[in-house]
PDB file of N, CA and C in Angstrom:
ATOM      1  N   MET A   1      22.640 212.476 -26.557  1.00  0.00           N
ATOM      2  CA  MET A   1      21.573 211.991 -26.284  1.00  0.00           C
ATOM      3  C   MET A   1      20.882 212.435 -24.962  1.00  0.00           C
ATOM      4  N   PRO A   2      19.611 212.989 -24.814  1.00  0.00           N
ATOM      5  CA  PRO A   2      19.136 213.358 -23.502  1.00  0.00           C
ATOM      6  C   PRO A   2      18.930 212.293 -22.560  1.00  0.00           C
ATOM      7  N   LYS A   3      19.139 212.369 -21.383  1.00  0.00           N
ATOM      8  CA  LYS A   3      18.832 211.364 -20.275  1.00  0.00           C
ATOM      9  C   LYS A   3      17.478 211.401 -20.080  1.00  0.00           C
ATOM     10  N   ASN A   4      17.122 210.340 -19.906  1.00  0.00           N
ATOM     11  CA  ASN A   4      15.544 209.976 -19.378  1.00  0.00           C
ATOM     12  C   ASN A   4      15.602 209.981 -17.724  1.00  0.00           C
ATOM     13  N   THR A   5      15.073 210.944 -16.991  1.00  0.00           N
ATOM     14  CA  THR A   5      14.984 211.149 -15.652  1.00  0.00           C
ATOM     15  C   THR A   5      13.499 210.955 -15.175  1.00  0.00           C
ATOM     16  N   GLN A   6      13.470 210.309 -14.137  1.00  0.00           N
ATOM     17  CA  GLN A   6      12.046 210.254 -13.348  1.00  0.00           C
ATOM     18  C   GLN A   6      12.164 211.029 -12.173  1.00  0.00           C
ATOM     19  N   SER A   7      11.167 211.637 -11.886  1.00  0.00           N
ATOM     20  CA  SER A   7      11.161 212.539 -10.413  1.00  0.00           C
ATOM     21  C   SER A   7      10.471 211.461  -9.593  1.00  0.00           C
ATOM     22  N   VAL A   8      11.120 211.346  -8.449  1.00  0.00           N
ATOM     23  CA  VAL A   8      10.661 210.525  -7.431  1.00  0.00           C
ATOM     24  C   VAL A   8      10.056 211.376  -6.252  1.00  0.00           C
ATOM     25  N   SER A   9       8.791 211.293  -5.933  1.00  0.00           N
ATOM     26  CA  SER A   9       8.324 211.857  -4.749  1.00  0.00           C
ATOM     27  C   SER A   9       8.553 211.295  -3.490  1.00  0.00           C
ATOM     28  N   ARG A  10       8.904 212.063  -2.377  1.00  0.00           N
ATOM     29  CA  ARG A  10       9.316 211.775  -1.317  1.00  0.00           C
ATOM     30  C   ARG A  10       8.149 211.875  -0.409  1.00  0.00           C
ATOM     31  N   SER A  11       8.206 211.040   0.683  1.00  0.00           N
ATOM     32  CA  SER A  11       7.155 211.274   1.756  1.00  0.00           C
ATOM     33  C   SER A  11       7.718 212.470   2.628  1.00  0.00           C
ATOM     34  N   THR A  12       6.850 213.323   3.131  1.00  0.00           N
ATOM     35  CA  THR A  12       7.252 214.502   4.048  1.00  0.00           C
ATOM     36  C   THR A  12       7.535 213.982   5.486  1.00  0.00           C
ATOM     37  N   GLN A  13       7.072 212.723   5.909  1.00  0.00           N
ATOM     38  CA  GLN A  13       7.389 212.254   7.213  1.00  0.00           C
ATOM     39  C   GLN A  13       8.869 211.914   7.308  1.00  0.00           C
ATOM     40  N   ARG A  14       9.559 211.997   8.450  1.00  0.00           N
ATOM     41  CA  ARG A  14      10.677 211.529   8.633  1.00  0.00           C
ATOM     42  C   ARG A  14      10.702 210.070   8.980  1.00  0.00           C
ATOM     43  N   ASP A  15      11.661 209.271   8.419  1.00  0.00           N
ATOM     44  CA  ASP A  15      11.832 207.744   8.802  1.00  0.00           C
ATOM     45  C   ASP A  15      12.579 207.937  10.101  1.00  0.00           C
ATOM     46  N   THR A  16      12.185 207.334  11.166  1.00  0.00           N
ATOM     47  CA  THR A  16      12.949 207.376  12.275  1.00  0.00           C
ATOM     48  C   THR A  16      13.511 205.934  12.658  1.00  0.00           C
ATOM     49  N   GLY A  17      13.062 204.899  11.967  1.00  0.00           N
ATOM     50  CA  GLY A  17      13.555 203.599  12.060  1.00  0.00           C
ATOM     51  C   GLY A  17      12.705 202.829  12.869  1.00  0.00           C
ATOM     52  N   VAL A  18      11.618 203.516  13.492  1.00  0.00           N
ATOM     53  CA  VAL A  18      10.743 202.909  14.527  1.00  0.00           C
ATOM     54  C   VAL A  18       9.601 202.551  13.827  1.00  0.00           C
ATOM     55  N   LYS A  19       9.170 201.278  13.670  1.00  0.00           N
ATOM     56  CA  LYS A  19       8.004 200.902  13.021  1.00  0.00           C
ATOM     57  C   LYS A  19       6.847 200.604  14.127  1.00  0.00           C
ATOM     58  N   SER A  20       5.675 200.930  13.334  1.00  0.00           N
ATOM     59  CA  SER A  20       4.386 200.962  14.165  1.00  0.00           C
ATOM     60  C   SER A  20       4.144 199.353  14.300  1.00  0.00           C
ATOM     61  N   ARG A  21       3.398 199.146  15.352  1.00  0.00           N
ATOM     62  CA  ARG A  21       2.937 197.704  15.581  1.00  0.00           C
ATOM     63  C   ARG A  21       1.469 197.564  15.855  1.00  0.00           C
ATOM     64  N   SER A  22       0.754 196.707  15.275  1.00  0.00           N
ATOM     65  CA  SER A  22      -0.746 196.649  15.500  1.00  0.00           C
ATOM     66  C   SER A  22      -0.924 195.548  16.642  1.00  0.00           C
ATOM     67  N   ASN A  23      -1.808 196.001  17.524  1.00  0.00           N
ATOM     68  CA  ASN A  23      -2.069 194.890  18.442  1.00  0.00           C
ATOM     69  C   ASN A  23      -3.340 193.934  18.095  1.00  0.00           C
ATOM     70  N   GLY A  24      -3.629 193.964  16.578  1.00  0.00           N
ATOM     71  CA  GLY A  24      -4.592 192.913  16.228  1.00  0.00           C
ATOM     72  C   GLY A  24      -6.073 193.396  16.210  1.00  0.00           C
ATOM     73  N   ASN A  25      -6.174 194.492  17.051  1.00  0.00           N
ATOM     74  CA  ASN A  25      -7.588 194.912  17.008  1.00  0.00           C
ATOM     75  C   ASN A  25      -7.758 196.237  16.227  1.00  0.00           C
ATOM     76  N   GLY A  26      -6.779 196.550  15.384  1.00  0.00           N
ATOM     77  CA  GLY A  26      -6.919 197.789  14.397  1.00  0.00           C
ATOM     78  C   GLY A  26      -6.261 198.847  15.254  1.00  0.00           C
ATOM     79  N   VAL A  27      -5.889 198.896  16.339  1.00  0.00           N
ATOM     80  CA  VAL A  27      -5.042 199.915  16.871  1.00  0.00           C
ATOM     81  C   VAL A  27      -3.526 199.717  16.811  1.00  0.00           C
ATOM     82  N   THR A  28      -2.934 200.920  16.400  1.00  0.00           N
ATOM     83  CA  THR A  28      -1.532 200.852  16.230  1.00  0.00           C
ATOM     84  C   THR A  28      -0.761 201.575  17.384  1.00  0.00           C
ATOM     85  N   ASN A  29       0.048 200.679  17.879  1.00  0.00           N
ATOM     86  CA  ASN A  29       0.845 201.301  18.973  1.00  0.00           C
ATOM     87  C   ASN A  29       2.307 201.889  18.499  1.00  0.00           C
ATOM     88  N   ARG A  30       2.440 202.864  18.829  1.00  0.00           N
ATOM     89  CA  ARG A  30       3.991 203.684  18.305  1.00  0.00           C
ATOM     90  C   ARG A  30       4.517 203.881  19.787  1.00  0.00           C
ATOM     91  N   PRO A  31       5.796 203.716  19.765  1.00  0.00           N
ATOM     92  CA  PRO A  31       6.728 204.130  20.915  1.00  0.00           C
ATOM     93  C   PRO A  31       6.526 205.607  21.087  1.00  0.00           C
ATOM     94  N   ASN A  32       6.479 206.369  22.288  1.00  0.00           N
ATOM     95  CA  ASN A  32       6.479 207.569  22.504  1.00  0.00           C
ATOM     96  C   ASN A  32       7.910 207.984  23.124  1.00  0.00           C
ATOM     97  N   GLU A  33       8.109 209.237  23.416  1.00  0.00           N
ATOM     98  CA  GLU A  33       9.298 209.682  24.023  1.00  0.00           C
ATOM     99  C   GLU A  33       9.747 209.091  25.307  1.00  0.00           C
ATOM    100  N   ASN A  34       8.514 208.778  26.124  1.00  0.00           N
ATOM    101  CA  ASN A  34       8.775 208.060  27.445  1.00  0.00           C
ATOM    102  C   ASN A  34       9.352 206.845  27.272  1.00  0.00           C
ATOM    103  N   SER A  35       8.819 205.999  26.201  1.00  0.00           N
ATOM    104  CA  SER A  35       9.362 204.730  26.047  1.00  0.00           C
ATOM    105  C   SER A  35      10.827 204.645  25.900  1.00  0.00           C
ATOM    106  N   HIS A  36      11.360 205.693  25.171  1.00  0.00           N
ATOM    107  CA  HIS A  36      12.854 205.707  25.027  1.00  0.00           C
ATOM    108  C   HIS A  36      13.493 206.039  26.227  1.00  0.00           C
ATOM    109  N   GLY A  37      12.975 206.734  27.173  1.00  0.00           N
ATOM    110  CA  GLY A  37      13.402 206.667  28.600  1.00  0.00           C
ATOM    111  C   GLY A  37      13.554 205.520  29.270  1.00  0.00           C
ATOM    112  N   ILE A  38      12.528 204.987  29.232  1.00  0.00           N
ATOM    113  CA  ILE A  38      12.268 203.686  29.898  1.00  0.00           C
ATOM    114  C   ILE A  38      13.287 202.549  29.265  1.00  0.00           C
ATOM    115  N   HIS A  39      13.402 202.526  28.286  1.00  0.00           N
ATOM    116  CA  HIS A  39      14.548 201.736  27.356  1.00  0.00           C
ATOM    117  C   HIS A  39      15.803 201.967  27.897  1.00  0.00           C
ATOM    118  N   ALA A  40      16.155 203.232  27.974  1.00  0.00           N
ATOM    119  CA  ALA A  40      17.474 203.598  28.387  1.00  0.00           C
ATOM    120  C   ALA A  40      17.609 203.394  29.978  1.00  0.00           C
ATOM    121  N   ARG A  41      16.719 203.559  30.637  1.00  0.00           N
ATOM    122  CA  ARG A  41      16.901 202.969  32.140  1.00  0.00           C
ATOM    123  C   ARG A  41      17.091 201.493  32.281  1.00  0.00           C
ATOM    124  N   ILE A  42      16.396 200.721  31.558  1.00  0.00           N
ATOM    125  CA  ILE A  42      16.398 199.351  31.513  1.00  0.00           C
ATOM    126  C   ILE A  42      17.864 199.012  31.027  1.00  0.00           C
ATOM    127  N   SER A  43      18.408 199.697  29.932  1.00  0.00           N
ATOM    128  CA  SER A  43      19.688 199.296  29.556  1.00  0.00           C
ATOM    129  C   SER A  43      20.622 199.538  30.623  1.00  0.00           C
ATOM    130  N   GLU A  44      20.590 200.576  31.135  1.00  0.00           N
ATOM    131  CA  GLU A  44      21.496 200.890  32.447  1.00  0.00           C
ATOM    132  C   GLU A  44      21.417 200.096  33.442  1.00  0.00           C
ATOM    133  N   ARG A  45      20.292 199.644  33.994  1.00  0.00           N
ATOM    134  CA  ARG A  45      20.299 198.591  35.051  1.00  0.00           C
ATOM    135  C   ARG A  45      20.637 197.187  34.419  1.00  0.00           C
ATOM    136  N   ALA A  46      20.353 196.971  33.270  1.00  0.00           N
ATOM    137  CA  ALA A  46      20.837 195.535  32.793  1.00  0.00           C
ATOM    138  C   ALA A  46      22.449 195.489  32.778  1.00  0.00           C
ATOM    139  N   TYR A  47      23.135 196.676  32.471  1.00  0.00           N
ATOM    140  CA  TYR A  47      24.584 196.610  32.457  1.00  0.00           C
ATOM    141  C   TYR A  47      25.135 196.810  33.999  1.00  0.00           C
ATOM    142  N   ALA A  48      24.416 197.417  34.922  1.00  0.00           N
ATOM    143  CA  ALA A  48      24.761 197.328  36.283  1.00  0.00           C
ATOM    144  C   ALA A  48      24.783 195.770  36.876  1.00  0.00           C
ATOM    145  N   LEU A  49      23.707 195.166  36.422  1.00  0.00           N
ATOM    146  CA  LEU A  49      23.472 193.849  36.952  1.00  0.00           C
ATOM    147  C   LEU A  49      24.752 192.892  36.188  1.00  0.00           C
ATOM    148  N   TYR A  50      25.008 193.056  34.834  1.00  0.00           N
ATOM    149  CA  TYR A  50      26.126 192.439  34.173  1.00  0.00           C
ATOM    150  C   TYR A  50      27.575 192.831  34.842  1.00  0.00           C
ATOM    151  N   GLU A  51      27.648 193.908  35.405  1.00  0.00           N
ATOM    152  CA  GLU A  51      28.860 194.252  36.356  1.00  0.00           C
ATOM    153  C   GLU A  51      28.859 193.667  37.467  1.00  0.00           C
ATOM    154  N   GLU A  52      27.858 193.565  38.234  1.00  0.00           N
ATOM    155  CA  GLU A  52      27.390 192.918  39.567  1.00  0.00           C
ATOM    156  C   GLU A  52      27.739 191.376  39.193  1.00  0.00           C
ATOM    157  N   HIS A  53      27.490 190.760  38.249  1.00  0.00           N
ATOM    158  CA  HIS A  53      27.775 189.398  38.083  1.00  0.00           C
ATOM    159  C   HIS A  53      29.307 189.273  37.628  1.00  0.00           C
ATOM    160  N   GLY A  54      30.165 190.100  37.715  1.00  0.00           N
ATOM    161  CA  GLY A  54      31.583 189.897  37.454  1.00  0.00           C
ATOM    162  C   GLY A  54      31.736 190.088  35.817  1.00  0.00           C
ATOM    163  N   ARG A  55      30.840 190.815  35.054  1.00  0.00           N
ATOM    164  CA  ARG A  55      30.961 190.851  33.764  1.00  0.00           C
ATOM    165  C   ARG A  55      31.187 189.549  33.016  1.00  0.00           C
ATOM    166  N   LYS A  56      30.302 188.651  33.465  1.00  0.00           N
ATOM    167  CA  LYS A  56      30.294 187.243  32.809  1.00  0.00           C
ATOM    168  C   LYS A  56      29.426 187.260  31.570  1.00  0.00           C
ATOM    169  N   ASP A  57      29.828 186.824  30.500  1.00  0.00           N
ATOM    170  CA  ASP A  57      28.968 186.829  29.156  1.00  0.00           C
ATOM    171  C   ASP A  57      28.055 185.464  29.512  1.00  0.00           C
ATOM    172  N   GLY A  58      26.968 185.525  28.580  1.00  0.00           N
ATOM    173  CA  GLY A  58      26.000 184.412  28.563  1.00  0.00           C
ATOM    174  C   GLY A  58      24.641 184.845  29.350  1.00  0.00           C
ATOM    175  N   HIS A  59      24.661 185.995  30.054  1.00  0.00           N
ATOM    176  CA  HIS A  59      23.571 186.128  30.844  1.00  0.00           C
ATOM    177  C   HIS A  59      22.812 187.453  30.408  1.00  0.00           C
ATOM    178  N   ALA A  60      22.878 187.823  29.064  1.00  0.00           N
ATOM    179  CA  ALA A  60      22.517 189.148  28.706  1.00  0.00           C
ATOM    180  C   ALA A  60      20.908 189.160  28.843  1.00  0.00           C
ATOM    181  N   LEU A  61      20.086 188.243  28.484  1.00  0.00           N
ATOM    182  CA  LEU A  61      18.715 188.050  28.458  1.00  0.00           C
ATOM    183  C   LEU A  61      18.240 188.044  29.861  1.00  0.00           C
ATOM    184  N   GLU A  62      18.898 187.288  30.724  1.00  0.00           N
ATOM    185  CA  GLU A  62      18.320 187.302  31.976  1.00  0.00           C
ATOM    186  C   GLU A  62      18.488 188.639  32.677  1.00  0.00           C
ATOM    187  N   ASP A  63      19.702 189.114  32.377  1.00  0.00           N
ATOM    188  CA  ASP A  63      20.099 190.547  33.123  1.00  0.00           C
ATOM    189  C   ASP A  63      19.041 191.538  32.447  1.00  0.00           C
ATOM    190  N   TRP A  64      18.748 191.446  31.086  1.00  0.00           N
ATOM    191  CA  TRP A  64      17.718 192.448  30.744  1.00  0.00           C
ATOM    192  C   TRP A  64      16.312 192.236  31.435  1.00  0.00           C
ATOM    193  N   LEU A  65      15.861 191.198  31.302  1.00  0.00           N
ATOM    194  CA  LEU A  65      14.543 190.634  31.777  1.00  0.00           C
ATOM    195  C   LEU A  65      14.470 191.169  33.378  1.00  0.00           C
ATOM    196  N   ALA A  66      15.466 190.997  34.018  1.00  0.00           N
ATOM    197  CA  ALA A  66      15.386 191.177  35.533  1.00  0.00           C
ATOM    198  C   ALA A  66      15.418 193.014  35.510  1.00  0.00           C
ATOM    199  N   ALA A  67      16.360 193.462  34.756  1.00  0.00           N
ATOM    200  CA  ALA A  67      16.215 194.971  34.740  1.00  0.00           C
ATOM    201  C   ALA A  67      14.946 195.447  34.203  1.00  0.00           C
ATOM    202  N   GLU A  68      14.349 194.917  33.507  1.00  0.00           N
ATOM    203  CA  GLU A  68      12.926 195.457  32.666  1.00  0.00           C
ATOM    204  C   GLU A  68      12.050 195.226  33.973  1.00  0.00           C
ATOM    205  N   GLN A  69      11.881 194.070  34.628  1.00  0.00           N
ATOM    206  CA  GLN A  69      11.064 193.909  35.756  1.00  0.00           C
ATOM    207  C   GLN A  69      11.177 194.851  36.795  1.00  0.00           C
ATOM    208  N   HIS A  70      12.418 195.050  37.133  1.00  0.00           N
ATOM    209  CA  HIS A  70      12.802 196.145  38.079  1.00  0.00           C
ATOM    210  C   HIS A  70      12.134 197.582  37.707  1.00  0.00           C
ATOM    211  N   ILE A  71      12.674 197.916  36.677  1.00  0.00           N
ATOM    212  CA  ILE A  71      12.194 199.467  36.060  1.00  0.00           C
ATOM    213  C   ILE A  71      10.733 199.638  35.948  1.00  0.00           C
ATOM    214  N   LEU A  72       9.968 198.611  35.493  1.00  0.00           N
ATOM    215  CA  LEU A  72       8.716 198.689  35.313  1.00  0.00           C
ATOM    216  C   LEU A  72       7.853 198.612  36.563  1.00  0.00           C
ATOM    217  N   ASN A  73       8.378 197.678  37.612  1.00  0.00           N
ATOM    218  CA  ASN A  73       7.771 197.726  38.829  1.00  0.00           C
ATOM    219  C   ASN A  73       7.869 199.073  39.632  1.00  0.00           C
ATOM    220  N   GLN A  74       9.108 199.856  39.465  1.00  0.00           N
ATOM    221  CA  GLN A  74       9.343 201.019  40.013  1.00  0.00           C
ATOM    222  C   GLN A  74       8.349 202.101  39.684  1.00  0.00           C
ATOM    223  N   ASP A  75       8.011 201.890  38.298  1.00  0.00           N
ATOM    224  CA  ASP A  75       7.073 203.022  37.884  1.00  0.00           C
ATOM    225  C   ASP A  75       5.525 202.784  38.037  1.00  0.00           C
ATOM    226  N   ARG A  76       5.077 201.820  38.892  1.00  0.00           N
ATOM    227  CA  ARG A  76       3.904 201.629  39.330  1.00  0.00           C
ATOM    228  C   ARG A  76       3.612 202.268  40.555  1.00  0.00           C
TER     229      ARG A  76
END
């Protein structure tokens, strides 16, 4: 008995796992290469703060927000 097969068309765009976000006025915001570098710098700074605080758990959000503020203020 012959198998029934269907061809599935695939998008030519690569799925990067990064989703677009709309800001509510019809403009879509997509992260760019620079935002990945900023994210890495924030991550490194947050980890440094974690180490400075004696590697105590439970302060990840505080460390991240402090690192984010520090890095974003540096770029101004």
